[in-house]
Protein backbone atom coordinates (compact mmCIF):
# COMPACT_ATOMS: atom_id res chain seq x y z
CA MET A 1 10.09 -5.65 -18.55
CA SER A 2 11.06 -2.99 -16.04
CA LYS A 3 9.72 -0.23 -18.30
CA SER A 4 6.58 -1.98 -19.48
CA ALA A 5 4.23 -0.48 -16.88
CA ALA A 6 5.32 3.05 -17.69
CA GLY A 7 4.65 2.93 -21.42
CA PRO A 8 2.25 5.44 -22.98
CA LEU A 9 -1.39 4.57 -23.59
CA SER A 10 -3.27 5.52 -26.72
CA PRO A 11 -5.56 8.53 -26.31
CA GLU A 12 -8.62 6.30 -26.56
CA VAL A 13 -7.69 4.29 -23.48
CA ARG A 14 -5.61 6.79 -21.51
CA VAL A 15 -6.23 6.58 -17.77
CA ALA A 16 -5.15 9.31 -15.35
CA GLU A 17 -1.83 8.80 -13.62
CA VAL A 18 -1.74 9.06 -9.83
CA ILE A 19 2.02 8.43 -9.49
CA HIS A 20 4.71 9.21 -12.05
CA PHE A 21 8.34 8.80 -11.02
CA ALA A 22 11.05 9.48 -13.58
CA ASP A 23 14.68 8.53 -12.86
CA VAL A 24 14.08 8.99 -9.12
CA SER A 25 16.89 8.44 -6.64
CA VAL A 26 16.97 9.00 -2.87
CA ARG A 27 20.18 9.36 -0.85
CA ARG A 28 20.60 9.48 2.91
CA GLY A 29 24.14 10.23 3.99
CA GLN A 30 26.40 8.18 1.76
CA SER A 31 23.78 5.53 1.01
CA TRP A 32 21.46 5.47 -1.99
CA LEU A 33 18.09 4.10 -0.84
CA LEU A 34 16.53 4.35 -4.31
CA LYS A 35 18.39 4.37 -7.60
CA ASN A 36 17.00 5.54 -10.95
CA VAL A 37 13.41 4.42 -10.41
CA ASP A 38 10.89 4.86 -13.24
CA TRP A 39 7.34 3.99 -12.19
CA VAL A 40 3.82 4.93 -13.21
CA VAL A 41 0.62 4.03 -11.36
CA ARG A 42 -2.74 4.75 -12.98
CA GLU A 43 -6.03 5.28 -11.20
CA ASN A 44 -7.50 1.92 -12.25
CA GLU A 45 -4.47 -0.10 -11.09
CA ARG A 46 -3.80 -2.02 -7.88
CA TRP A 47 -0.09 -2.58 -7.21
CA VAL A 48 2.04 -4.69 -4.92
CA ILE A 49 5.70 -3.85 -4.21
CA ILE A 50 7.76 -6.86 -3.16
CA GLY A 51 11.40 -7.57 -2.44
CA PRO A 52 13.83 -8.56 0.32
CA ASN A 53 14.77 -6.47 3.36
CA GLY A 54 16.61 -3.32 2.37
CA ALA A 55 15.27 -3.36 -1.18
CA GLY A 56 13.85 0.17 -0.90
CA LYS A 57 10.15 -0.75 -0.73
CA SER A 58 9.19 1.40 2.25
CA THR A 59 11.29 4.31 0.96
CA LEU A 60 9.40 4.17 -2.33
CA LEU A 61 6.09 4.16 -0.45
CA ARG A 62 7.14 7.11 1.74
CA LEU A 63 7.97 9.02 -1.43
CA ALA A 64 4.54 8.19 -2.86
CA ALA A 65 3.00 9.39 0.43
CA ALA A 66 4.76 12.77 0.06
CA LEU A 67 6.64 12.14 3.31
CA MET A 68 9.99 12.74 1.61
CA HIS A 69 11.40 14.28 -1.56
CA PRO A 70 13.66 12.66 -4.15
CA THR A 71 17.34 13.54 -4.18
CA LEU A 72 17.39 13.28 -7.96
CA GLY A 73 14.72 12.86 -10.62
CA VAL A 74 11.10 13.93 -10.91
CA ALA A 75 8.35 12.63 -8.62
CA VAL A 76 4.73 13.52 -9.35
CA VAL A 77 1.91 12.39 -7.03
CA LEU A 78 -1.71 13.25 -7.89
CA ASP A 79 -0.46 15.78 -10.45
CA GLU A 80 1.67 17.55 -7.85
CA TYR A 81 5.45 17.80 -8.23
CA LEU A 82 7.22 16.90 -5.00
CA GLY A 83 9.48 19.78 -4.05
CA LEU A 84 7.24 22.31 -5.79
CA THR A 85 3.95 21.76 -3.97
CA ASN A 86 2.55 22.16 -0.47
CA VAL A 87 2.71 18.60 0.86
CA PHE A 88 0.39 19.49 3.74
CA GLU A 89 -2.37 20.04 1.18
CA LEU A 90 -1.39 16.95 -0.79
CA ARG A 91 -1.19 14.43 2.05
CA PRO A 92 -4.90 14.51 2.99
CA ARG A 93 -5.63 13.22 -0.53
CA ILE A 94 -3.61 10.08 0.26
CA GLY A 95 -4.70 7.26 2.55
CA LEU A 96 -1.72 5.75 4.39
CA VAL A 97 -1.67 2.65 6.58
CA GLY A 98 1.63 1.81 8.26
CA ALA A 99 3.42 1.26 11.53
CA GLY A 100 4.43 4.90 11.91
CA PHE A 101 0.88 6.15 12.31
CA ALA A 102 -0.30 3.10 14.27
CA ASP A 103 2.19 3.90 17.04
CA SER A 104 0.56 7.32 17.56
CA ILE A 105 -2.98 6.03 18.14
CA PRO A 106 -4.10 6.43 21.79
CA PRO A 107 -5.08 3.00 23.15
CA THR A 108 -8.10 4.58 24.89
CA GLU A 109 -9.54 5.98 21.65
CA THR A 110 -12.75 4.34 20.50
CA VAL A 111 -12.77 2.79 17.06
CA GLU A 112 -15.47 5.18 15.85
CA ASN A 113 -13.46 8.18 17.03
CA LEU A 114 -10.32 6.75 15.44
CA VAL A 115 -12.07 6.74 12.08
CA VAL A 116 -13.96 10.03 12.29
CA THR A 117 -10.92 12.02 13.49
CA ALA A 118 -9.37 11.50 10.07
CA SER A 119 -11.61 14.40 8.98
CA TRP A 120 -9.44 16.71 11.11
CA ALA A 121 -6.20 14.81 10.52
CA VAL A 122 -5.78 14.07 14.24
CA SER A 123 -5.44 10.71 15.97
CA GLY A 124 -7.18 11.54 19.26
CA ARG A 125 -10.59 13.17 19.58
CA GLY A 126 -10.55 16.45 21.49
CA GLN A 127 -12.82 19.48 21.30
CA GLU A 128 -13.30 19.45 17.53
CA VAL A 129 -16.88 19.23 16.28
CA TYR A 130 -17.95 16.75 13.60
CA ALA A 131 -20.89 17.07 11.27
CA GLU A 132 -23.52 14.34 11.39
CA GLU A 133 -22.56 13.28 7.86
CA ASP A 134 -19.01 12.63 9.11
CA LEU A 135 -20.32 10.30 11.81
CA VAL A 136 -22.63 8.57 9.34
CA ARG A 137 -19.76 8.04 6.91
CA ALA A 138 -17.49 6.65 9.64
CA ARG A 139 -20.18 4.18 10.71
CA ARG A 140 -20.85 3.17 7.11
CA ILE A 141 -17.15 2.47 6.51
CA LEU A 142 -16.90 0.45 9.71
CA GLY A 143 -19.93 -1.57 8.63
CA SER A 144 -18.45 -2.23 5.19
CA LEU A 145 -15.32 -3.68 6.84
CA GLY A 146 -17.28 -5.75 9.37
CA LEU A 147 -16.16 -3.51 12.24
CA ASP A 148 -19.44 -1.87 13.20
CA ARG A 149 -19.73 -4.04 16.32
CA PHE A 150 -16.38 -2.66 17.49
CA ALA A 151 -17.34 1.04 17.11
CA ALA A 152 -17.56 1.64 20.86
CA ARG A 153 -14.56 -0.52 21.75
CA THR A 154 -11.26 1.11 22.60
CA TYR A 155 -8.39 0.65 20.18
CA GLY A 156 -6.18 -0.91 22.86
CA THR A 157 -8.61 -3.81 23.37
CA LEU A 158 -8.61 -4.91 19.71
CA SER A 159 -6.68 -7.82 18.27
CA GLU A 160 -3.85 -6.97 15.89
CA GLY A 161 -5.98 -7.91 12.89
CA GLU A 162 -8.85 -5.73 14.09
CA ARG A 163 -6.43 -2.86 14.58
CA LYS A 164 -5.15 -3.17 11.02
CA ARG A 165 -8.69 -3.14 9.63
CA SER A 166 -9.54 -0.13 11.83
CA GLN A 167 -6.54 1.72 10.39
CA ILE A 168 -7.78 0.97 6.88
CA ALA A 169 -11.24 2.28 7.84
CA ARG A 170 -9.64 5.50 9.03
CA ALA A 171 -7.63 5.83 5.82
CA LEU A 172 -10.85 5.47 3.80
CA MET A 173 -12.62 8.19 5.80
CA THR A 174 -11.30 11.04 3.66
CA ASP A 175 -12.15 9.26 0.38
CA PRO A 176 -8.49 9.24 -0.72
CA GLU A 177 -7.45 9.33 -4.35
CA LEU A 178 -4.54 6.99 -3.55
CA MET A 179 -4.28 4.27 -0.89
CA LEU A 180 -0.86 3.20 0.37
CA LEU A 181 -0.40 0.20 2.68
CA ASP A 182 2.97 -0.66 4.21
CA GLU A 183 3.09 -4.36 5.22
CA PRO A 184 -0.50 -4.41 6.52
CA ALA A 185 -0.42 -8.16 7.27
CA ALA A 186 2.82 -8.07 9.27
CA GLY A 187 2.47 -9.74 12.69
CA LEU A 188 -0.94 -11.29 12.05
CA ASP A 189 -1.86 -14.87 12.77
CA LEU A 190 -3.53 -17.00 10.10
CA GLY A 191 -7.07 -15.93 10.98
CA GLY A 192 -6.18 -12.26 11.19
CA ARG A 193 -4.30 -12.41 7.90
CA GLU A 194 -7.16 -14.05 6.07
CA GLN A 195 -9.70 -11.54 7.39
CA LEU A 196 -7.43 -8.68 6.38
CA LEU A 197 -6.81 -10.12 2.92
CA SER A 198 -10.57 -10.42 2.40
CA THR A 199 -10.89 -6.72 3.26
CA LEU A 200 -8.03 -5.78 0.96
CA SER A 201 -9.38 -7.91 -1.88
CA ASN A 202 -12.69 -6.03 -1.69
CA MET A 203 -10.71 -2.78 -2.02
CA MET A 204 -8.68 -4.12 -4.91
CA THR A 205 -11.72 -5.27 -6.88
CA ASP A 206 -13.91 -2.21 -6.26
CA PRO A 207 -14.27 -0.58 -9.70
CA LEU A 208 -15.02 2.76 -8.04
CA GLY A 209 -12.16 2.52 -5.55
CA SER A 210 -8.96 4.52 -5.54
CA ALA A 211 -5.61 3.33 -6.83
CA VAL A 212 -3.89 1.07 -4.28
CA VAL A 213 -0.21 0.35 -3.63
CA LEU A 214 0.68 -2.34 -1.08
CA VAL A 215 4.14 -3.25 0.22
CA THR A 216 4.82 -6.77 1.46
CA HIS A 217 7.66 -9.23 1.94
CA HIS A 218 5.57 -12.28 1.15
CA VAL A 219 3.67 -13.22 -2.01
CA GLU A 220 1.19 -15.09 0.22
CA GLU A 221 0.05 -11.69 1.53
CA ILE A 222 -0.93 -10.36 -1.91
CA PRO A 223 -4.73 -9.95 -2.02
CA PRO A 224 -6.76 -11.20 -4.96
CA GLY A 225 -7.56 -8.34 -7.32
CA THR A 226 -4.00 -7.01 -7.41
CA THR A 227 -3.30 -6.07 -11.03
CA HIS A 228 0.37 -5.06 -11.11
CA ALA A 229 3.61 -5.86 -9.33
CA LEU A 230 6.93 -4.10 -8.84
CA VAL A 231 9.89 -6.19 -7.68
CA MET A 232 12.83 -4.40 -6.06
CA ALA A 233 16.34 -5.21 -4.89
CA ASP A 234 19.15 -2.93 -3.66
CA GLY A 235 17.09 0.21 -4.26
CA ARG A 236 16.43 -0.60 -7.91
CA VAL A 237 13.47 -1.88 -9.88
CA VAL A 238 14.13 -5.41 -11.09
CA ALA A 239 10.80 -5.84 -12.89
CA GLN A 240 7.39 -4.19 -13.06
CA GLY A 241 4.16 -4.65 -14.96
CA PRO A 242 1.05 -6.84 -14.93
CA ILE A 243 1.34 -9.16 -11.97
CA GLY A 244 1.20 -12.40 -13.98
CA ASP A 245 4.15 -11.26 -16.09
CA VAL A 246 6.26 -10.13 -13.14
CA LEU A 247 5.77 -12.62 -10.30
CA THR A 248 7.61 -15.46 -11.97
CA ALA A 249 10.19 -17.85 -10.56
CA SER A 250 12.92 -16.38 -12.76
CA VAL A 251 12.29 -12.81 -11.52
CA LEU A 252 12.00 -13.71 -7.84
CA GLU A 253 15.07 -15.96 -8.01
CA GLN A 254 17.08 -12.89 -9.08
CA VAL A 255 16.24 -11.01 -5.88
CA TYR A 256 16.10 -13.85 -3.34
CA GLY A 257 19.06 -15.84 -4.65
CA LEU A 258 17.61 -19.35 -4.57
CA PRO A 259 15.55 -21.57 -6.90
CA LEU A 260 11.84 -21.05 -6.35
CA VAL A 261 8.52 -22.52 -7.34
CA VAL A 262 5.88 -19.82 -7.77
CA SER A 263 2.20 -20.58 -8.25
CA THR A 264 -1.22 -18.97 -8.09
CA VAL A 265 -4.63 -20.45 -7.34
CA ASP A 266 -7.84 -18.39 -7.37
CA GLY A 267 -5.85 -15.17 -7.26
CA ARG A 268 -3.73 -16.24 -4.28
CA TRP A 269 0.04 -16.46 -4.74
CA SER A 270 2.57 -18.76 -3.11
CA ALA A 271 6.32 -19.26 -3.37
CA ARG A 272 8.58 -21.94 -1.96
CA ALA A 273 12.11 -23.14 -2.44
CA ALA A 274 12.47 -25.64 -5.26
CA ARG A 275 13.51 -29.14 -4.23
CA SER A 276 16.80 -30.23 -5.69
CA ALA A 277 16.90 -33.20 -8.03
CA GLY A 278 18.56 -35.30 -5.31
CA SER A 279 16.02 -34.52 -2.60
CA ALA A 280 13.95 -37.35 -1.24
């Protein structure tokens, strides 16, 4: 199963690849963070990466974001070979939402400025000048995410869920060819999570949208519309492919080490420990 998502397509149905990793490994010091990863993401696919702590999920996403290079193997992102391309030209083509960038956002920045400054790849508006079409696009994106009423609010006054959605709006500002989201629902309460998942589901089901890769620890945080899944453990790919083939009890039991019951209703996933035969 682990190779199924990377198989060739016939010429009649071939879809452009946005990520192609071949036998990729990443080492830091004496530790291998990724080991022999083969993975292909095509432009019409919406992926989730799931696995326990230390599985290598965030490392894989950082590699896809061109924030690091592989130690071994070949990593191609948007037709650019990492290690042979100018990553500063590549990165603006990628939308990235994660804790690293969120920590750099000035709390006094307005939401509208947070979004529009993506055009200059800065996180605080200074003396740069923006075209009217940039402002119109920022407002349109905020409206599409239900954030238009927050445009004049400062980032520091938003709830955590509103901040996450504002970060997604910013990532969409440059019309990225690839969207990467690192645990976007982490730290949200039930209401914030559900609002965020509604936003993400709209992204996942948009036929004109970019390819999406989302990292999460919890199957309950997988938005409807996700088409493929990659399950990791100990820096390796355990399984990958169409989500219904991959997110099974037998696969998840391998990585979490306990019997599980996995189910899906209306595109929403859940997993819980299986009750033993002797349980009341």
